[in-house]
Amino acid sequence: MIHIEQILKRAQETEPLVQCITNFVTVNDCANIILAAGGTPSMSHVKEEAAEAVQKAGALVCNMGAIEDAEAMILAGKEANRLGIPVILDPVAAGGTSLRRETAKKLLEEVHFSVIRGNASEIRSLTGEKVTGKGVDAAAPDIITEDNVSVAVCGMRQLAEQTKSVIVVSGITDLISDGKRTVLVRNGCTTMSKITGSGCMVTSLIGVYCGACPEYPLEAAVTGMTVMGIAGEAAEKRRITNGTGNATFRNDLIDAVFNFTEKQLTEEMKVEIYGR
């Protein structure tokens, strides 16, 4: 067992290289938030070099927003698996089209993922359930609330056991489970849903912390979700104080990760073990 404060510190000390195969809409934000957290980004995505590029990485992030690079994800993912490098999947809009359903299925068959992070609709789609998400957003019936959290946790645990992965569902309350242990993170703010790429960025953050502590994927995922949530709260305070909008909020969010401290984590995190 390792405390998330230790993971935060280790990431800043080791500066893990995180290879991201991610979409063109969010690639710059993902690279910058990796740098802000103390990591080093590599955005290599072409299939001809993907497997070779991952050999020096601490973690690999595969984002299905770049569905055209699925072959590169598989090549890099297999090499990362061979080398014991953690691989993180962001199944963007996984249930949205037949292409995405088939690609998600193939990725899960070909690559073992240490962590899979998505919204409620995306994660539900990986279990084979039919979902009606709107683009990259979760559908209203899939959103996790206090009333249906027990059902959501049950499904997450089953998927975690099936895939041998840590499953992360982002939402008003974030859920993280390895099939045995389940953690709830209640940090964050609604403005995070008003910028493009907040999900891609938090998946990249999880990549940093998995790269720093590959033997603790659950704790690394909790660290990523908590840091992102607290940073979002800090950016929201600045937005309200200064009367700015979502574009400035995005920059303030990255700044908040850059300036993040262990003291801030211990004082502001809202993390609980589910079922206790």
C-alpha atoms as a PDB file:
ATOM      1  CA  MET A   1       0.000   0.000   0.000  1.00  0.00           C
ATOM      2  CA  ILE A   2       1.231   3.489  -0.853  1.00  0.00           C
ATOM      3  CA  HIS A   3      -0.259   6.870   0.033  1.00  0.00           C
ATOM      4  CA  ILE A   4      -1.225   9.163  -2.823  1.00  0.00           C
ATOM      5  CA  GLU A   5       0.955  11.902  -1.336  1.00  0.00           C
ATOM      6  CA  GLN A   6       3.937   9.619  -1.990  1.00  0.00           C
ATOM      7  CA  ILE A   7       2.862   9.065  -5.591  1.00  0.00           C
ATOM      8  CA  LEU A   8       2.602  12.814  -6.120  1.00  0.00           C
ATOM      9  CA  LYS A   9       6.127  13.280  -4.785  1.00  0.00           C
ATOM     10  CA  ARG A  10       7.574  10.386  -6.770  1.00  0.00           C
ATOM     11  CA  ALA A  11       6.155  11.756 -10.025  1.00  0.00           C
ATOM     12  CA  GLN A  12       7.815  15.116  -9.400  1.00  0.00           C
ATOM     13  CA  GLU A  13      11.117  13.412  -8.577  1.00  0.00           C
ATOM     14  CA  THR A  14      11.235  10.857 -11.411  1.00  0.00           C
ATOM     15  CA  GLU A  15       9.651  12.911 -14.246  1.00  0.00           C
ATOM     16  CA  PRO A  16       8.223   9.843 -16.034  1.00  0.00           C
ATOM     17  CA  LEU A  17       8.059   9.880 -19.819  1.00  0.00           C
ATOM     18  CA  VAL A  18       4.442   9.393 -20.913  1.00  0.00           C
ATOM     19  CA  GLN A  19       3.759   8.426 -24.512  1.00  0.00           C
ATOM     20  CA  CYS A  20       0.312   9.624 -25.575  1.00  0.00           C
ATOM     21  CA  ILE A  21      -1.521   8.451 -28.658  1.00  0.00           C
ATOM     22  CA  THR A  22      -4.320  10.972 -28.452  1.00  0.00           C
ATOM     23  CA  ASN A  23      -6.553  13.054 -30.684  1.00  0.00           C
ATOM     24  CA  PHE A  24      -5.617  16.274 -32.459  1.00  0.00           C
ATOM     25  CA  VAL A  25      -8.236  18.279 -30.540  1.00  0.00           C
ATOM     26  CA  THR A  26      -6.566  17.746 -27.153  1.00  0.00           C
ATOM     27  CA  VAL A  27      -2.955  16.808 -27.909  1.00  0.00           C
ATOM     28  CA  ASN A  28      -1.501  20.154 -26.793  1.00  0.00           C
ATOM     29  CA  ASP A  29      -3.490  20.229 -23.533  1.00  0.00           C
ATOM     30  CA  CYS A  30      -2.488  16.648 -22.744  1.00  0.00           C
ATOM     31  CA  ALA A  31       1.191  17.429 -23.317  1.00  0.00           C
ATOM     32  CA  ASN A  32       1.006  20.543 -21.145  1.00  0.00           C
ATOM     33  CA  ILE A  33      -0.769  18.869 -18.237  1.00  0.00           C
ATOM     34  CA  ILE A  34       1.810  16.070 -18.266  1.00  0.00           C
ATOM     35  CA  LEU A  35       4.517  18.729 -17.995  1.00  0.00           C
ATOM     36  CA  ALA A  36       2.560  20.529 -15.272  1.00  0.00           C
ATOM     37  CA  ALA A  37       2.432  17.328 -13.193  1.00  0.00           C
ATOM     38  CA  GLY A  38       6.167  16.794 -13.485  1.00  0.00           C
ATOM     39  CA  GLY A  39       6.164  14.274 -16.320  1.00  0.00           C
ATOM     40  CA  THR A  40       7.652  14.389 -19.796  1.00  0.00           C
ATOM     41  CA  PRO A  41       5.290  14.046 -22.781  1.00  0.00           C
ATOM     42  CA  SER A  42       5.890  12.090 -25.960  1.00  0.00           C
ATOM     43  CA  MET A  43       3.126  12.435 -28.522  1.00  0.00           C
ATOM     44  CA  SER A  44       4.440   9.843 -30.980  1.00  0.00           C
ATOM     45  CA  HIS A  45       1.488   8.189 -32.705  1.00  0.00           C
ATOM     46  CA  VAL A  46       2.484   6.858 -36.130  1.00  0.00           C
ATOM     47  CA  LYS A  47       2.431   3.080 -36.341  1.00  0.00           C
ATOM     48  CA  GLU A  48       5.911   2.850 -37.885  1.00  0.00           C
ATOM     49  CA  GLU A  49       7.564   4.057 -34.658  1.00  0.00           C
ATOM     50  CA  ALA A  50       4.939   3.548 -31.947  1.00  0.00           C
ATOM     51  CA  ALA A  51       6.383   0.312 -30.547  1.00  0.00           C
ATOM     52  CA  GLU A  52       9.946   1.615 -30.591  1.00  0.00           C
ATOM     53  CA  ALA A  53       8.962   4.929 -29.009  1.00  0.00           C
ATOM     54  CA  VAL A  54       7.285   3.259 -26.035  1.00  0.00           C
ATOM     55  CA  GLN A  55      10.456   1.401 -25.051  1.00  0.00           C
ATOM     56  CA  LYS A  56      11.769   4.423 -23.146  1.00  0.00           C
ATOM     57  CA  ALA A  57       8.425   5.425 -21.663  1.00  0.00           C
ATOM     58  CA  GLY A  58       7.210   5.084 -18.110  1.00  0.00           C
ATOM     59  CA  ALA A  59       3.596   4.779 -19.288  1.00  0.00           C
ATOM     60  CA  LEU A  60       1.532   4.651 -22.476  1.00  0.00           C
ATOM     61  CA  VAL A  61      -1.807   6.439 -22.875  1.00  0.00           C
ATOM     62  CA  CYS A  62      -4.136   5.237 -25.656  1.00  0.00           C
ATOM     63  CA  ASN A  63      -6.997   7.638 -26.399  1.00  0.00           C
ATOM     64  CA  MET A  64      -9.723   6.463 -28.753  1.00  0.00           C
ATOM     65  CA  GLY A  65     -10.298  10.048 -29.836  1.00  0.00           C
ATOM     66  CA  ALA A  66      -7.455   9.139 -32.200  1.00  0.00           C
ATOM     67  CA  ILE A  67      -9.324   6.110 -33.519  1.00  0.00           C
ATOM     68  CA  GLU A  68      -7.414   6.364 -36.795  1.00  0.00           C
ATOM     69  CA  ASP A  69      -4.306   5.419 -34.801  1.00  0.00           C
ATOM     70  CA  ALA A  70      -5.779   2.224 -33.333  1.00  0.00           C
ATOM     71  CA  GLU A  71      -3.141   0.077 -35.043  1.00  0.00           C
ATOM     72  CA  ALA A  72      -0.385   2.188 -33.465  1.00  0.00           C
ATOM     73  CA  MET A  73      -2.079   1.763 -30.069  1.00  0.00           C
ATOM     74  CA  ILE A  74      -2.060  -2.006 -30.451  1.00  0.00           C
ATOM     75  CA  LEU A  75       1.573  -2.141 -31.578  1.00  0.00           C
ATOM     76  CA  ALA A  76       2.729   0.166 -28.779  1.00  0.00           C
ATOM     77  CA  GLY A  77       0.454  -1.528 -26.255  1.00  0.00           C
ATOM     78  CA  LYS A  78       1.795  -4.991 -26.978  1.00  0.00           C
ATOM     79  CA  GLU A  79       5.359  -3.754 -26.633  1.00  0.00           C
ATOM     80  CA  ALA A  80       4.508  -1.961 -23.382  1.00  0.00           C
ATOM     81  CA  ASN A  81       2.917  -5.156 -22.058  1.00  0.00           C
ATOM     82  CA  ARG A  82       6.055  -7.105 -22.971  1.00  0.00           C
ATOM     83  CA  LEU A  83       8.224  -4.606 -21.098  1.00  0.00           C
ATOM     84  CA  GLY A  84       5.932  -4.259 -18.072  1.00  0.00           C
ATOM     85  CA  ILE A  85       5.088  -0.628 -18.857  1.00  0.00           C
ATOM     86  CA  PRO A  86       1.588   0.397 -17.688  1.00  0.00           C
ATOM     87  CA  VAL A  87      -0.933   1.186 -20.417  1.00  0.00           C
ATOM     88  CA  ILE A  88      -3.939   3.447 -19.846  1.00  0.00           C
ATOM     89  CA  LEU A  89      -7.015   3.455 -22.093  1.00  0.00           C
ATOM     90  CA  ASP A  90      -9.428   6.337 -22.648  1.00  0.00           C
ATOM     91  CA  PRO A  91     -12.343   4.753 -24.582  1.00  0.00           C
ATOM     92  CA  VAL A  92     -13.646   8.001 -26.066  1.00  0.00           C
ATOM     93  CA  ALA A  93     -17.235   7.595 -27.329  1.00  0.00           C
ATOM     94  CA  ALA A  94     -16.691   3.824 -27.246  1.00  0.00           C
ATOM     95  CA  GLY A  95     -20.357   2.975 -27.732  1.00  0.00           C
ATOM     96  CA  GLY A  96     -21.113   5.749 -30.215  1.00  0.00           C
ATOM     97  CA  THR A  97     -20.615   3.930 -33.521  1.00  0.00           C
ATOM     98  CA  SER A  98     -20.015   0.405 -34.762  1.00  0.00           C
ATOM     99  CA  LEU A  99     -16.415   1.364 -35.603  1.00  0.00           C
ATOM    100  CA  ARG A 100     -15.775   2.488 -32.042  1.00  0.00           C
ATOM    101  CA  ARG A 101     -17.449  -0.561 -30.539  1.00  0.00           C
ATOM    102  CA  GLU A 102     -15.340  -2.856 -32.713  1.00  0.00           C
ATOM    103  CA  THR A 103     -12.146  -0.920 -32.023  1.00  0.00           C
ATOM    104  CA  ALA A 104     -12.691  -0.935 -28.263  1.00  0.00           C
ATOM    105  CA  LYS A 105     -13.303  -4.691 -28.388  1.00  0.00           C
ATOM    106  CA  LYS A 106     -10.123  -5.273 -30.383  1.00  0.00           C
ATOM    107  CA  LEU A 107      -8.025  -3.087 -28.092  1.00  0.00           C
ATOM    108  CA  LEU A 108      -9.232  -5.020 -25.033  1.00  0.00           C
ATOM    109  CA  GLU A 109      -8.480  -8.316 -26.770  1.00  0.00           C
ATOM    110  CA  GLU A 110      -4.991  -7.341 -27.931  1.00  0.00           C
ATOM    111  CA  VAL A 111      -3.650  -5.199 -25.065  1.00  0.00           C
ATOM    112  CA  HIS A 112      -3.778  -5.426 -21.282  1.00  0.00           C
ATOM    113  CA  PHE A 113      -4.586  -2.048 -19.758  1.00  0.00           C
ATOM    114  CA  SER A 114      -3.504  -1.172 -16.232  1.00  0.00           C
ATOM    115  CA  VAL A 115      -6.208   1.521 -16.073  1.00  0.00           C
ATOM    116  CA  ILE A 116      -9.303   2.230 -18.159  1.00  0.00           C
ATOM    117  CA  ARG A 117     -10.843   5.682 -17.614  1.00  0.00           C
ATOM    118  CA  GLY A 118     -14.013   6.991 -19.200  1.00  0.00           C
ATOM    119  CA  ASN A 119     -17.355   8.554 -18.462  1.00  0.00           C
ATOM    120  CA  ALA A 120     -20.299   6.443 -17.340  1.00  0.00           C
ATOM    121  CA  SER A 121     -21.590   5.745 -20.865  1.00  0.00           C
ATOM    122  CA  GLU A 122     -18.154   4.826 -22.210  1.00  0.00           C
ATOM    123  CA  ILE A 123     -17.467   2.400 -19.383  1.00  0.00           C
ATOM    124  CA  ARG A 124     -20.916   0.846 -19.638  1.00  0.00           C
ATOM    125  CA  SER A 125     -20.372   0.295 -23.362  1.00  0.00           C
ATOM    126  CA  LEU A 126     -17.265  -1.784 -22.600  1.00  0.00           C
ATOM    127  CA  THR A 127     -19.437  -4.219 -20.662  1.00  0.00           C
ATOM    128  CA  GLY A 128     -21.507  -4.802 -23.801  1.00  0.00           C
ATOM    129  CA  GLU A 129     -24.471  -2.713 -22.697  1.00  0.00           C
ATOM    130  CA  LYS A 130     -26.226  -0.473 -25.221  1.00  0.00           C
ATOM    131  CA  VAL A 131     -25.714   3.192 -24.373  1.00  0.00           C
ATOM    132  CA  THR A 132     -26.926   6.495 -25.791  1.00  0.00           C
ATOM    133  CA  GLY A 133     -24.114   8.900 -24.987  1.00  0.00           C
ATOM    134  CA  LYS A 134     -24.161  12.294 -26.727  1.00  0.00           C
ATOM    135  CA  GLY A 135     -20.854  12.502 -28.587  1.00  0.00           C
ATOM    136  CA  VAL A 136     -18.137  12.271 -25.951  1.00  0.00           C
ATOM    137  CA  ASP A 137     -20.537  13.073 -23.097  1.00  0.00           C
ATOM    138  CA  ALA A 138     -22.314  10.588 -20.856  1.00  0.00           C
ATOM    139  CA  ALA A 139     -26.024  10.058 -21.459  1.00  0.00           C
ATOM    140  CA  ALA A 140     -28.322  11.246 -18.680  1.00  0.00           C
ATOM    141  CA  PRO A 141     -29.565   7.713 -17.800  1.00  0.00           C
ATOM    142  CA  ASP A 142     -25.948   6.544 -17.355  1.00  0.00           C
ATOM    143  CA  ILE A 143     -24.821   9.313 -15.002  1.00  0.00           C
ATOM    144  CA  ILE A 144     -23.900   8.021 -11.555  1.00  0.00           C
ATOM    145  CA  THR A 145     -25.808   9.495  -8.627  1.00  0.00           C
ATOM    146  CA  GLU A 146     -26.088   8.699  -4.938  1.00  0.00           C
ATOM    147  CA  ASP A 147     -29.187   6.664  -5.783  1.00  0.00           C
ATOM    148  CA  ASN A 148     -27.555   4.328  -8.305  1.00  0.00           C
ATOM    149  CA  VAL A 149     -23.934   4.247  -7.117  1.00  0.00           C
ATOM    150  CA  SER A 150     -24.222   0.701  -5.755  1.00  0.00           C
ATOM    151  CA  VAL A 151     -25.369  -0.603  -9.154  1.00  0.00           C
ATOM    152  CA  ALA A 152     -22.568   1.300 -10.895  1.00  0.00           C
ATOM    153  CA  VAL A 153     -19.946  -0.087  -8.505  1.00  0.00           C
ATOM    154  CA  CYS A 154     -21.186  -3.626  -9.126  1.00  0.00           C
ATOM    155  CA  GLY A 155     -20.755  -3.195 -12.887  1.00  0.00           C
ATOM    156  CA  MET A 156     -17.338  -1.603 -12.465  1.00  0.00           C
ATOM    157  CA  ARG A 157     -16.110  -4.437 -10.283  1.00  0.00           C
ATOM    158  CA  GLN A 158     -17.240  -7.006 -12.818  1.00  0.00           C
ATOM    159  CA  LEU A 159     -15.452  -5.162 -15.638  1.00  0.00           C
ATOM    160  CA  ALA A 160     -12.320  -4.810 -13.489  1.00  0.00           C
ATOM    161  CA  GLU A 161     -12.273  -8.547 -12.807  1.00  0.00           C
ATOM    162  CA  GLN A 162     -12.912  -9.351 -16.459  1.00  0.00           C
ATOM    163  CA  THR A 163     -10.169  -7.072 -17.817  1.00  0.00           C
ATOM    164  CA  LYS A 164      -7.762  -7.267 -14.846  1.00  0.00           C
ATOM    165  CA  SER A 165      -7.702  -3.476 -15.047  1.00  0.00           C
ATOM    166  CA  VAL A 166      -8.428  -0.610 -12.692  1.00  0.00           C
ATOM    167  CA  ILE A 167     -11.681   0.952 -13.882  1.00  0.00           C
ATOM    168  CA  VAL A 168     -12.275   4.692 -13.483  1.00  0.00           C
ATOM    169  CA  VAL A 169     -15.617   6.380 -14.093  1.00  0.00           C
ATOM    170  CA  SER A 170     -15.470  10.182 -14.226  1.00  0.00           C
ATOM    171  CA  GLY A 171     -18.467  12.209 -13.160  1.00  0.00           C
ATOM    172  CA  ILE A 172     -19.836  14.425 -10.426  1.00  0.00           C
ATOM    173  CA  THR A 173     -18.392  11.754  -8.165  1.00  0.00           C
ATOM    174  CA  ASP A 174     -15.470   9.796  -9.606  1.00  0.00           C
ATOM    175  CA  LEU A 175     -15.396   6.043  -8.986  1.00  0.00           C
ATOM    176  CA  ILE A 176     -12.217   3.958  -9.106  1.00  0.00           C
ATOM    177  CA  SER A 177     -12.173   0.176  -8.640  1.00  0.00           C
ATOM    178  CA  ASP A 178      -9.786  -2.742  -9.111  1.00  0.00           C
ATOM    179  CA  GLY A 179     -12.573  -5.266  -8.532  1.00  0.00           C
ATOM    180  CA  LYS A 180     -11.851  -5.620  -4.832  1.00  0.00           C
ATOM    181  CA  ARG A 181     -11.290  -2.086  -3.580  1.00  0.00           C
ATOM    182  CA  THR A 182     -13.449   0.837  -4.681  1.00  0.00           C
ATOM    183  CA  VAL A 183     -12.696   4.507  -4.036  1.00  0.00           C
ATOM    184  CA  LEU A 184     -14.900   7.576  -4.441  1.00  0.00           C
ATOM    185  CA  VAL A 185     -13.420  11.002  -5.236  1.00  0.00           C
ATOM    186  CA  ARG A 186     -15.735  13.976  -4.735  1.00  0.00           C
ATOM    187  CA  ASN A 187     -13.464  16.819  -5.869  1.00  0.00           C
ATOM    188  CA  GLY A 188     -14.080  18.860  -9.004  1.00  0.00           C
ATOM    189  CA  CYS A 189     -16.512  21.413 -10.458  1.00  0.00           C
ATOM    190  CA  THR A 190     -19.062  21.619 -13.260  1.00  0.00           C
ATOM    191  CA  THR A 191     -17.001  24.045 -15.361  1.00  0.00           C
ATOM    192  CA  MET A 192     -14.618  21.180 -16.098  1.00  0.00           C
ATOM    193  CA  SER A 193     -17.309  19.839 -18.429  1.00  0.00           C
ATOM    194  CA  LYS A 194     -17.359  23.157 -20.314  1.00  0.00           C
ATOM    195  CA  ILE A 195     -13.876  22.780 -21.806  1.00  0.00           C
ATOM    196  CA  THR A 196     -12.735  20.393 -24.499  1.00  0.00           C
ATOM    197  CA  GLY A 197     -10.357  17.734 -23.256  1.00  0.00           C
ATOM    198  CA  SER A 198     -10.770  17.631 -19.492  1.00  0.00           C
ATOM    199  CA  GLY A 199     -11.252  13.871 -19.738  1.00  0.00           C
ATOM    200  CA  CYS A 200      -8.264  13.429 -22.034  1.00  0.00           C
ATOM    201  CA  MET A 201      -6.168  15.538 -19.679  1.00  0.00           C
ATOM    202  CA  VAL A 202      -7.064  13.557 -16.570  1.00  0.00           C
ATOM    203  CA  THR A 203      -6.281  10.304 -18.384  1.00  0.00           C
ATOM    204  CA  SER A 204      -2.869  11.772 -19.210  1.00  0.00           C
ATOM    205  CA  LEU A 205      -2.430  12.710 -15.542  1.00  0.00           C
ATOM    206  CA  ILE A 206      -3.157   9.121 -14.577  1.00  0.00           C
ATOM    207  CA  GLY A 207      -0.435   8.178 -17.063  1.00  0.00           C
ATOM    208  CA  VAL A 208       2.061  10.350 -15.187  1.00  0.00           C
ATOM    209  CA  TYR A 209       1.260   8.754 -11.840  1.00  0.00           C
ATOM    210  CA  CYS A 210       1.191   5.216 -13.265  1.00  0.00           C
ATOM    211  CA  GLY A 211       4.575   5.928 -14.827  1.00  0.00           C
ATOM    212  CA  ALA A 212       5.905   7.034 -11.449  1.00  0.00           C
ATOM    213  CA  CYS A 213       4.399   4.087  -9.541  1.00  0.00           C
ATOM    214  CA  PRO A 214       3.559   1.300 -12.021  1.00  0.00           C
ATOM    215  CA  GLU A 215       3.071  -1.244  -9.250  1.00  0.00           C
ATOM    216  CA  TYR A 216       0.176   0.758  -7.754  1.00  0.00           C
ATOM    217  CA  PRO A 217      -2.345   1.416 -10.567  1.00  0.00           C
ATOM    218  CA  LEU A 218      -5.338   1.918  -8.250  1.00  0.00           C
ATOM    219  CA  GLU A 219      -3.540   4.471  -6.108  1.00  0.00           C
ATOM    220  CA  ALA A 220      -2.096   6.161  -9.218  1.00  0.00           C
ATOM    221  CA  ALA A 221      -5.587   6.493 -10.689  1.00  0.00           C
ATOM    222  CA  VAL A 222      -6.934   7.916  -7.423  1.00  0.00           C
ATOM    223  CA  THR A 223      -4.058  10.418  -7.395  1.00  0.00           C
ATOM    224  CA  GLY A 224      -4.808  11.549 -10.946  1.00  0.00           C
ATOM    225  CA  MET A 225      -8.521  12.000 -10.314  1.00  0.00           C
ATOM    226  CA  THR A 226      -7.943  13.812  -7.015  1.00  0.00           C
ATOM    227  CA  VAL A 227      -5.289  16.188  -8.361  1.00  0.00           C
ATOM    228  CA  MET A 228      -7.481  17.021 -11.355  1.00  0.00           C
ATOM    229  CA  GLY A 229     -10.526  17.604  -9.145  1.00  0.00           C
ATOM    230  CA  ILE A 230      -8.743  19.884  -6.695  1.00  0.00           C
ATOM    231  CA  ALA A 231      -7.057  21.770  -9.548  1.00  0.00           C
ATOM    232  CA  GLY A 232     -10.492  22.259 -11.101  1.00  0.00           C
ATOM    233  CA  GLU A 233     -11.789  23.726  -7.858  1.00  0.00           C
ATOM    234  CA  ALA A 234      -8.843  26.136  -7.713  1.00  0.00           C
ATOM    235  CA  ALA A 235      -9.417  27.207 -11.335  1.00  0.00           C
ATOM    236  CA  GLU A 236     -13.123  27.705 -10.620  1.00  0.00           C
ATOM    237  CA  LYS A 237     -12.332  30.038  -7.712  1.00  0.00           C
ATOM    238  CA  ARG A 238     -10.155  32.137 -10.023  1.00  0.00           C
ATOM    239  CA  ARG A 239     -12.859  32.154 -12.707  1.00  0.00           C
ATOM    240  CA  ILE A 240     -15.497  33.430 -10.282  1.00  0.00           C
ATOM    241  CA  THR A 241     -13.157  35.992  -8.721  1.00  0.00           C
ATOM    242  CA  ASN A 242     -11.958  37.366 -12.070  1.00  0.00           C
ATOM    243  CA  GLY A 243     -15.194  36.982 -14.012  1.00  0.00           C
ATOM    244  CA  THR A 244     -13.522  35.017 -16.808  1.00  0.00           C
ATOM    245  CA  GLY A 245     -14.810  32.200 -19.016  1.00  0.00           C
ATOM    246  CA  ASN A 246     -14.015  28.653 -19.984  1.00  0.00           C
ATOM    247  CA  ALA A 247     -10.927  29.443 -22.104  1.00  0.00           C
ATOM    248  CA  THR A 248      -9.142  31.101 -19.179  1.00  0.00           C
ATOM    249  CA  PHE A 249     -10.437  28.333 -16.924  1.00  0.00           C
ATOM    250  CA  ARG A 250      -8.563  25.767 -19.039  1.00  0.00           C
ATOM    251  CA  ASN A 251      -5.285  27.643 -18.596  1.00  0.00           C
ATOM    252  CA  ASP A 252      -5.933  28.141 -14.874  1.00  0.00           C
ATOM    253  CA  LEU A 253      -6.595  24.417 -14.549  1.00  0.00           C
ATOM    254  CA  ILE A 254      -3.212  23.532 -16.015  1.00  0.00           C
ATOM    255  CA  ASP A 255      -1.561  26.221 -13.853  1.00  0.00           C
ATOM    256  CA  ALA A 256      -3.228  24.716 -10.776  1.00  0.00           C
ATOM    257  CA  VAL A 257      -1.704  21.317 -11.571  1.00  0.00           C
ATOM    258  CA  PHE A 258       1.694  22.975 -12.094  1.00  0.00           C
ATOM    259  CA  ASN A 259       1.496  24.696  -8.696  1.00  0.00           C
ATOM    260  CA  PHE A 260      -0.027  21.708  -6.897  1.00  0.00           C
ATOM    261  CA  THR A 261       1.393  20.859  -3.457  1.00  0.00           C
ATOM    262  CA  GLU A 262       1.294  17.904  -1.121  1.00  0.00           C
ATOM    263  CA  LYS A 263      -0.225  20.178   1.538  1.00  0.00           C
ATOM    264  CA  GLN A 264      -3.021  21.104  -0.837  1.00  0.00           C
ATOM    265  CA  LEU A 265      -3.682  17.422  -1.489  1.00  0.00           C
ATOM    266  CA  THR A 266      -3.909  16.412   2.158  1.00  0.00           C
ATOM    267  CA  GLU A 267      -6.075  19.395   3.130  1.00  0.00           C
ATOM    268  CA  GLU A 268      -8.505  19.471   0.201  1.00  0.00           C
ATOM    269  CA  MET A 269      -8.943  15.922  -1.070  1.00  0.00           C
ATOM    270  CA  LYS A 270     -12.415  14.400  -0.679  1.00  0.00           C
ATOM    271  CA  VAL A 271     -11.626  10.706  -0.984  1.00  0.00           C
ATOM    272  CA  GLU A 272     -13.439   7.830   0.637  1.00  0.00           C
ATOM    273  CA  ILE A 273     -13.338   4.048   0.505  1.00  0.00           C
ATOM    274  CA  TYR A 274     -16.651   2.707  -0.764  1.00  0.00           C
ATOM    275  CA  GLY A 275     -18.402   0.286   1.572  1.00  0.00           C
ATOM    276  CA  ARG A 276     -16.750   1.331   4.810  1.00  0.00           C
END
